[in-house]
Amino acid sequence: MKKIYTIEDLGCASCASKMEDAIGKLEGVNKVAITFMTKKLVIDAEDGQFDEIIKQAGRIIKKIEPDAELRPYRR
């Protein structure tokens, strides 16, 4: 399953890179990409684990940048 999220209040490209690396190491994650300029997180993960992976990703994001918030992407 592939979904797109927005990371609100993402402050720097270095933080985005750290987040991407940490989320990519989660079990069940096939691919992850965070683009600092657009503040988008694109994640491809196993269907059965997806909800838990997103919860863990949110915790990782908060740990690296406490003011950042993971939100569903809206066009």
Protein backbone atom coordinates (compact mmCIF):
# COMPACT_ATOMS: atom_id res chain seq x y z
CA MET A 1 0.00 0.00 0.00
CA LYS A 2 1.32 3.42 -0.94
CA LYS A 3 0.10 6.67 0.64
CA ILE A 4 1.14 10.31 0.78
CA TYR A 5 1.25 12.44 3.92
CA THR A 6 2.20 16.02 4.72
CA ILE A 7 4.68 16.85 7.47
CA GLU A 8 3.55 20.21 8.83
CA ASP A 9 6.20 22.46 10.40
CA LEU A 10 9.10 20.46 8.98
CA GLY A 11 12.01 22.79 9.71
CA CYS A 12 15.07 21.56 7.83
CA ALA A 13 16.30 19.22 5.13
CA SER A 14 18.66 17.49 7.56
CA CYS A 15 15.73 16.55 9.81
CA ALA A 16 13.80 15.27 6.79
CA SER A 17 16.76 13.05 5.87
CA LYS A 18 17.01 11.67 9.42
CA MET A 19 13.28 10.95 9.44
CA GLU A 20 13.45 9.21 6.07
CA ASP A 21 16.34 7.00 7.22
CA ALA A 22 14.64 6.03 10.49
CA ILE A 23 11.22 5.35 8.93
CA GLY A 24 12.87 3.31 6.17
CA LYS A 25 14.28 0.95 8.81
CA LEU A 26 10.86 0.07 10.24
CA GLU A 27 9.76 -3.50 9.66
CA GLY A 28 7.21 -3.69 6.83
CA VAL A 29 8.33 -0.51 5.07
CA ASN A 30 9.14 -1.17 1.42
CA LYS A 31 10.06 2.38 0.41
CA VAL A 32 9.90 5.86 1.92
CA ALA A 33 10.70 9.31 0.56
CA ILE A 34 10.47 12.68 2.27
CA THR A 35 10.78 15.83 0.19
CA PHE A 36 11.67 18.85 2.29
CA MET A 37 10.56 21.47 -0.25
CA THR A 38 7.02 20.08 -0.54
CA LYS A 39 6.92 18.68 3.01
CA LYS A 40 5.60 15.38 1.62
CA LEU A 41 6.19 11.89 2.92
CA VAL A 42 5.49 9.10 0.45
CA ILE A 43 5.44 5.69 2.06
CA ASP A 44 4.98 2.22 0.62
CA ALA A 45 4.43 -0.42 3.30
CA GLU A 46 2.82 -3.78 3.91
CA ASP A 47 -1.00 -3.53 3.99
CA GLY A 48 -1.48 -5.49 7.21
CA GLN A 49 1.05 -3.39 9.12
CA PHE A 50 0.30 0.00 7.60
CA ASP A 51 -1.60 1.58 10.51
CA GLU A 52 1.07 0.60 13.03
CA ILE A 53 3.86 1.77 10.70
CA ILE A 54 2.21 5.20 10.39
CA LYS A 55 1.92 5.46 14.19
CA GLN A 56 5.60 4.61 14.52
CA ALA A 57 6.49 7.09 11.75
CA GLY A 58 4.60 9.82 13.61
CA ARG A 59 6.58 9.05 16.78
CA ILE A 60 9.86 9.15 14.84
CA ILE A 61 8.95 12.50 13.32
CA LYS A 62 8.08 13.96 16.75
CA LYS A 63 11.30 12.63 18.26
CA ILE A 64 13.44 14.28 15.58
CA GLU A 65 11.43 17.49 15.31
CA PRO A 66 8.95 17.99 18.18
CA ASP A 67 6.92 20.72 16.43
CA ALA A 68 6.31 18.66 13.26
CA GLU A 69 2.96 16.94 12.66
CA LEU A 70 2.15 14.07 10.28
CA ARG A 71 -1.11 14.72 8.43
CA PRO A 72 -2.96 13.02 5.55
CA TYR A 73 -2.09 14.70 2.25
CA ARG A 74 -4.77 16.96 0.79
CA ARG A 75 -4.48 18.21 -2.76
